[in-house]
Amino acid sequence: MITETSKKLEKTIRDVLDFPVKGIVFKDITPVLQDISLFKEVIDGLADKFKDYKIDKIAGVESRGFIFGMPLALKMGIPFIPVRKKGKLPAETVEVTYSLEYGQASIEMHKDAVNSGENVLIIDDLLATGGTTNAAIELIKKLEGNPVAAAFVVELGFLSGRNNISNANQNIEVFSILKY
């Protein structure tokens, strides 16, 4: 099923040239959201992939990780955790600051989002360098949770995000439906 879904995604995802800056080819997932059948196939495929992992919670990384993480959590019957940019969550949070090509960024999670020993699946739409995912993994570990896997709809393999996540976090499985 995942192989068929991958082929459909490749035909559906739109390349947007020079966005957000000149020289970048942006992989736009919004056409996938317009194809309800394909969107359902993506969610079903992810649920099938992780059904035997004993996942307690799904953490979606702002903002496109919410798009895929929330319906996946609903389908799997488990809670959803929003991982947000600094200052966007209303209750007490834990924070991680990480490096970007052009500076630094911070993400947060509510302090009560993960209990000690809970297995957490991280979801985002796209894996590039892996920096944000590594920060989300660190947040989960700060709360004594067990980040077991990170899943993506699309992976830009030439940016080595999979290796960056694996090198920093030996026990984390990295999965993507479509790899460029």
C-alpha atoms as a PDB file:
ATOM      1  CA  MET A   1       0.000   0.000   0.000  1.00  0.00           C
ATOM      2  CA  ILE A   2       2.761   2.475   0.924  1.00  0.00           C
ATOM      3  CA  THR A   3       4.463   1.976  -2.467  1.00  0.00           C
ATOM      4  CA  GLU A   4       1.210   2.798  -4.303  1.00  0.00           C
ATOM      5  CA  THR A   5       0.637   5.787  -2.037  1.00  0.00           C
ATOM      6  CA  SER A   6       4.177   6.984  -2.691  1.00  0.00           C
ATOM      7  CA  LYS A   7       3.567   6.947  -6.447  1.00  0.00           C
ATOM      8  CA  LYS A   8       0.310   8.862  -6.046  1.00  0.00           C
ATOM      9  CA  LEU A   9       1.986  11.425  -3.791  1.00  0.00           C
ATOM     10  CA  GLU A  10       4.770  11.959  -6.305  1.00  0.00           C
ATOM     11  CA  LYS A  11       2.186  12.758  -8.998  1.00  0.00           C
ATOM     12  CA  THR A  12       0.165  15.017  -6.682  1.00  0.00           C
ATOM     13  CA  ILE A  13       2.750  17.057  -4.750  1.00  0.00           C
ATOM     14  CA  ARG A  14       3.440  20.330  -6.542  1.00  0.00           C
ATOM     15  CA  ASP A  15       6.883  21.876  -7.053  1.00  0.00           C
ATOM     16  CA  VAL A  16       6.924  25.618  -6.445  1.00  0.00           C
ATOM     17  CA  LEU A  17      10.071  27.225  -7.821  1.00  0.00           C
ATOM     18  CA  ASP A  18      11.931  29.936  -5.897  1.00  0.00           C
ATOM     19  CA  PHE A  19       9.853  29.628  -2.714  1.00  0.00           C
ATOM     20  CA  PRO A  20      10.455  30.804  -0.043  1.00  0.00           C
ATOM     21  CA  VAL A  21      13.656  32.183  -1.606  1.00  0.00           C
ATOM     22  CA  LYS A  22      15.277  32.081  -5.037  1.00  0.00           C
ATOM     23  CA  GLY A  23      16.884  28.749  -5.844  1.00  0.00           C
ATOM     24  CA  ILE A  24      14.604  26.618  -3.639  1.00  0.00           C
ATOM     25  CA  VAL A  25      12.155  24.102  -5.092  1.00  0.00           C
ATOM     26  CA  PHE A  26       9.381  23.907  -2.487  1.00  0.00           C
ATOM     27  CA  LYS A  27       7.456  20.636  -2.213  1.00  0.00           C
ATOM     28  CA  ASP A  28       3.852  21.791  -1.748  1.00  0.00           C
ATOM     29  CA  ILE A  29       1.603  19.217  -0.047  1.00  0.00           C
ATOM     30  CA  THR A  30      -1.586  21.290  -0.331  1.00  0.00           C
ATOM     31  CA  PRO A  31      -2.790  19.391  -3.457  1.00  0.00           C
ATOM     32  CA  VAL A  32      -2.735  16.229  -1.294  1.00  0.00           C
ATOM     33  CA  LEU A  33      -5.144  17.937   1.105  1.00  0.00           C
ATOM     34  CA  GLN A  34      -7.501  18.607  -1.817  1.00  0.00           C
ATOM     35  CA  ASP A  35      -7.543  14.908  -2.737  1.00  0.00           C
ATOM     36  CA  ILE A  36      -9.506  13.422   0.170  1.00  0.00           C
ATOM     37  CA  SER A  37      -9.003   9.879  -1.101  1.00  0.00           C
ATOM     38  CA  LEU A  38      -5.204  10.274  -1.204  1.00  0.00           C
ATOM     39  CA  PHE A  39      -5.168  12.089   2.151  1.00  0.00           C
ATOM     40  CA  LYS A  40      -7.105   9.185   3.698  1.00  0.00           C
ATOM     41  CA  GLU A  41      -4.686   6.744   2.069  1.00  0.00           C
ATOM     42  CA  VAL A  42      -1.742   8.579   3.694  1.00  0.00           C
ATOM     43  CA  ILE A  43      -3.376   8.466   7.145  1.00  0.00           C
ATOM     44  CA  ASP A  44      -4.397   4.815   6.734  1.00  0.00           C
ATOM     45  CA  GLY A  45      -0.888   3.900   5.577  1.00  0.00           C
ATOM     46  CA  LEU A  46       0.748   5.596   8.558  1.00  0.00           C
ATOM     47  CA  ALA A  47      -1.727   3.964  10.961  1.00  0.00           C
ATOM     48  CA  ASP A  48      -1.012   0.566   9.428  1.00  0.00           C
ATOM     49  CA  LYS A  49       2.748   1.119   9.602  1.00  0.00           C
ATOM     50  CA  PHE A  50       2.688   1.971  13.329  1.00  0.00           C
ATOM     51  CA  LYS A  51      -0.201  -0.202  14.556  1.00  0.00           C
ATOM     52  CA  ASP A  52       2.082  -2.665  16.381  1.00  0.00           C
ATOM     53  CA  TYR A  53       4.443  -0.084  17.931  1.00  0.00           C
ATOM     54  CA  LYS A  54       2.490   0.376  21.178  1.00  0.00           C
ATOM     55  CA  ILE A  55       2.334   4.145  20.625  1.00  0.00           C
ATOM     56  CA  ASP A  56       0.791   6.058  23.543  1.00  0.00           C
ATOM     57  CA  LYS A  57       0.723   9.524  21.947  1.00  0.00           C
ATOM     58  CA  ILE A  58       1.415  11.296  18.673  1.00  0.00           C
ATOM     59  CA  ALA A  59       3.366  14.566  18.657  1.00  0.00           C
ATOM     60  CA  GLY A  60       2.740  16.768  15.627  1.00  0.00           C
ATOM     61  CA  VAL A  61       5.236  19.491  14.789  1.00  0.00           C
ATOM     62  CA  GLU A  62       3.745  22.902  13.969  1.00  0.00           C
ATOM     63  CA  SER A  63       2.060  23.423  11.708  1.00  0.00           C
ATOM     64  CA  ARG A  64       1.854  20.861   8.941  1.00  0.00           C
ATOM     65  CA  GLY A  65       2.565  18.065  11.410  1.00  0.00           C
ATOM     66  CA  PHE A  66      -0.828  18.959  12.897  1.00  0.00           C
ATOM     67  CA  ILE A  67      -2.501  18.322   9.531  1.00  0.00           C
ATOM     68  CA  PHE A  68      -1.303  14.718   9.441  1.00  0.00           C
ATOM     69  CA  GLY A  69      -0.845  14.029  13.155  1.00  0.00           C
ATOM     70  CA  MET A  70      -4.344  14.857  14.376  1.00  0.00           C
ATOM     71  CA  PRO A  71      -6.253  12.565  11.994  1.00  0.00           C
ATOM     72  CA  LEU A  72      -3.655   9.846  12.602  1.00  0.00           C
ATOM     73  CA  ALA A  73      -4.128  10.139  16.372  1.00  0.00           C
ATOM     74  CA  LEU A  74      -7.902   9.988  15.882  1.00  0.00           C
ATOM     75  CA  LYS A  75      -7.626   6.910  13.658  1.00  0.00           C
ATOM     76  CA  MET A  76      -5.290   5.177  16.142  1.00  0.00           C
ATOM     77  CA  GLY A  77      -7.442   6.219  19.119  1.00  0.00           C
ATOM     78  CA  ILE A  78      -4.604   7.930  21.007  1.00  0.00           C
ATOM     79  CA  PRO A  79      -3.958  11.478  22.248  1.00  0.00           C
ATOM     80  CA  PHE A  80      -2.336  14.185  20.123  1.00  0.00           C
ATOM     81  CA  ILE A  81       0.402  16.526  21.386  1.00  0.00           C
ATOM     82  CA  PRO A  82       0.992  19.858  19.639  1.00  0.00           C
ATOM     83  CA  VAL A  83       4.674  20.823  19.372  1.00  0.00           C
ATOM     84  CA  ARG A  84       4.627  24.576  18.807  1.00  0.00           C
ATOM     85  CA  LYS A  85       6.830  27.568  18.264  1.00  0.00           C
ATOM     86  CA  LYS A  86       7.853  29.379  21.431  1.00  0.00           C
ATOM     87  CA  GLY A  87       5.116  31.411  23.085  1.00  0.00           C
ATOM     88  CA  LYS A  88       2.128  29.723  21.417  1.00  0.00           C
ATOM     89  CA  LEU A  89       1.049  27.294  24.166  1.00  0.00           C
ATOM     90  CA  PRO A  90      -1.034  28.625  27.081  1.00  0.00           C
ATOM     91  CA  ALA A  91       0.080  26.415  30.003  1.00  0.00           C
ATOM     92  CA  GLU A  92       3.482  25.634  31.504  1.00  0.00           C
ATOM     93  CA  THR A  93       5.917  24.339  28.874  1.00  0.00           C
ATOM     94  CA  VAL A  94       9.300  22.765  28.282  1.00  0.00           C
ATOM     95  CA  GLU A  95      11.411  24.352  25.557  1.00  0.00           C
ATOM     96  CA  VAL A  96      14.265  23.390  23.257  1.00  0.00           C
ATOM     97  CA  THR A  97      16.289  25.842  21.175  1.00  0.00           C
ATOM     98  CA  TYR A  98      18.013  24.498  18.081  1.00  0.00           C
ATOM     99  CA  SER A  99      20.126  25.808  15.213  1.00  0.00           C
ATOM    100  CA  LEU A 100      18.884  26.681  11.766  1.00  0.00           C
ATOM    101  CA  GLU A 101      20.907  27.622   8.682  1.00  0.00           C
ATOM    102  CA  TYR A 102      20.094  31.267   9.366  1.00  0.00           C
ATOM    103  CA  GLY A 103      19.971  31.389  13.186  1.00  0.00           C
ATOM    104  CA  GLN A 104      18.071  29.685  15.959  1.00  0.00           C
ATOM    105  CA  ALA A 105      14.509  28.651  16.706  1.00  0.00           C
ATOM    106  CA  SER A 106      12.686  27.335  19.757  1.00  0.00           C
ATOM    107  CA  ILE A 107       9.838  24.866  20.068  1.00  0.00           C
ATOM    108  CA  GLU A 108       7.743  23.973  23.094  1.00  0.00           C
ATOM    109  CA  MET A 109       5.445  21.330  24.451  1.00  0.00           C
ATOM    110  CA  HIS A 110       3.184  21.455  27.495  1.00  0.00           C
ATOM    111  CA  LYS A 111       4.912  20.067  30.588  1.00  0.00           C
ATOM    112  CA  ASP A 112       2.054  17.646  31.172  1.00  0.00           C
ATOM    113  CA  ALA A 113       1.917  16.390  27.545  1.00  0.00           C
ATOM    114  CA  VAL A 114       4.031  13.272  28.100  1.00  0.00           C
ATOM    115  CA  ASN A 115       4.215  11.006  31.119  1.00  0.00           C
ATOM    116  CA  SER A 116       7.351   9.092  32.069  1.00  0.00           C
ATOM    117  CA  GLY A 117       7.807   6.000  29.901  1.00  0.00           C
ATOM    118  CA  GLU A 118       5.138   6.832  27.324  1.00  0.00           C
ATOM    119  CA  ASN A 119       5.926   5.885  23.727  1.00  0.00           C
ATOM    120  CA  VAL A 120       5.593   8.844  21.364  1.00  0.00           C
ATOM    121  CA  LEU A 121       5.453   8.949  17.561  1.00  0.00           C
ATOM    122  CA  ILE A 122       6.541  12.248  16.000  1.00  0.00           C
ATOM    123  CA  ILE A 123       4.752  13.333  12.802  1.00  0.00           C
ATOM    124  CA  ASP A 124       5.601  16.071  10.328  1.00  0.00           C
ATOM    125  CA  ASP A 125       4.871  16.620   6.666  1.00  0.00           C
ATOM    126  CA  LEU A 126       8.452  16.875   5.440  1.00  0.00           C
ATOM    127  CA  LEU A 127      11.918  15.800   6.576  1.00  0.00           C
ATOM    128  CA  ALA A 128      14.657  18.173   5.459  1.00  0.00           C
ATOM    129  CA  THR A 129      17.728  18.469   7.724  1.00  0.00           C
ATOM    130  CA  GLY A 130      16.117  16.894  10.806  1.00  0.00           C
ATOM    131  CA  GLY A 131      16.803  19.806  13.157  1.00  0.00           C
ATOM    132  CA  THR A 132      13.202  20.379  14.218  1.00  0.00           C
ATOM    133  CA  THR A 133      12.616  16.657  14.662  1.00  0.00           C
ATOM    134  CA  ASN A 134      15.711  16.317  16.838  1.00  0.00           C
ATOM    135  CA  ALA A 135      14.409  19.211  18.951  1.00  0.00           C
ATOM    136  CA  ALA A 136      11.007  17.470  19.302  1.00  0.00           C
ATOM    137  CA  ILE A 137      12.799  14.276  20.349  1.00  0.00           C
ATOM    138  CA  GLU A 138      14.689  16.261  22.974  1.00  0.00           C
ATOM    139  CA  LEU A 139      11.412  17.731  24.308  1.00  0.00           C
ATOM    140  CA  ILE A 140       9.908  14.263  24.695  1.00  0.00           C
ATOM    141  CA  LYS A 141      13.048  13.013  26.461  1.00  0.00           C
ATOM    142  CA  LYS A 142      12.980  16.030  28.827  1.00  0.00           C
ATOM    143  CA  LEU A 143       9.602  14.754  30.008  1.00  0.00           C
ATOM    144  CA  GLU A 144      11.019  11.210  30.336  1.00  0.00           C
ATOM    145  CA  GLY A 145       9.002   9.988  27.376  1.00  0.00           C
ATOM    146  CA  ASN A 146      10.228   7.469  24.849  1.00  0.00           C
ATOM    147  CA  PRO A 147      10.343   8.830  21.293  1.00  0.00           C
ATOM    148  CA  VAL A 148      10.114   5.616  19.263  1.00  0.00           C
ATOM    149  CA  ALA A 149       9.798   6.888  15.692  1.00  0.00           C
ATOM    150  CA  ALA A 150       9.530   9.923  13.472  1.00  0.00           C
ATOM    151  CA  ALA A 151       7.301   9.718  10.401  1.00  0.00           C
ATOM    152  CA  PHE A 152       7.019  12.016   7.417  1.00  0.00           C
ATOM    153  CA  VAL A 153       4.937  12.186   4.284  1.00  0.00           C
ATOM    154  CA  VAL A 154       7.920  13.456   2.255  1.00  0.00           C
ATOM    155  CA  GLU A 155      11.682  13.197   2.769  1.00  0.00           C
ATOM    156  CA  LEU A 156      14.301  15.280   0.968  1.00  0.00           C
ATOM    157  CA  GLY A 157      17.043  12.647   1.096  1.00  0.00           C
ATOM    158  CA  PHE A 158      19.742  14.918  -0.307  1.00  0.00           C
ATOM    159  CA  LEU A 159      19.594  17.020   2.894  1.00  0.00           C
ATOM    160  CA  SER A 160      20.562  14.011   5.101  1.00  0.00           C
ATOM    161  CA  GLY A 161      17.845  14.565   7.716  1.00  0.00           C
ATOM    162  CA  ARG A 162      17.465  10.815   8.279  1.00  0.00           C
ATOM    163  CA  ASN A 163      21.171  10.515   9.099  1.00  0.00           C
ATOM    164  CA  ASN A 164      21.087  13.582  11.345  1.00  0.00           C
ATOM    165  CA  ILE A 165      18.194  12.132  13.350  1.00  0.00           C
ATOM    166  CA  SER A 166      19.700   8.638  13.514  1.00  0.00           C
ATOM    167  CA  ASN A 167      23.159   9.889  14.485  1.00  0.00           C
ATOM    168  CA  ALA A 168      21.773  12.038  17.304  1.00  0.00           C
ATOM    169  CA  ASN A 169      19.168   9.510  18.459  1.00  0.00           C
ATOM    170  CA  GLN A 170      20.289   5.918  17.951  1.00  0.00           C
ATOM    171  CA  ASN A 171      16.978   4.250  18.839  1.00  0.00           C
ATOM    172  CA  ILE A 172      14.658   6.382  16.728  1.00  0.00           C
ATOM    173  CA  GLU A 173      13.151   4.829  13.610  1.00  0.00           C
ATOM    174  CA  VAL A 174      12.756   7.282  10.738  1.00  0.00           C
ATOM    175  CA  PHE A 175      10.016   6.564   8.194  1.00  0.00           C
ATOM    176  CA  SER A 176       8.796   8.467   5.159  1.00  0.00           C
ATOM    177  CA  ILE A 177       6.255   7.583   2.518  1.00  0.00           C
ATOM    178  CA  LEU A 178       7.904   9.446  -0.386  1.00  0.00           C
ATOM    179  CA  LYS A 179      11.618  10.149  -0.768  1.00  0.00           C
ATOM    180  CA  TYR A 180      13.128  12.645  -3.175  1.00  0.00           C
END
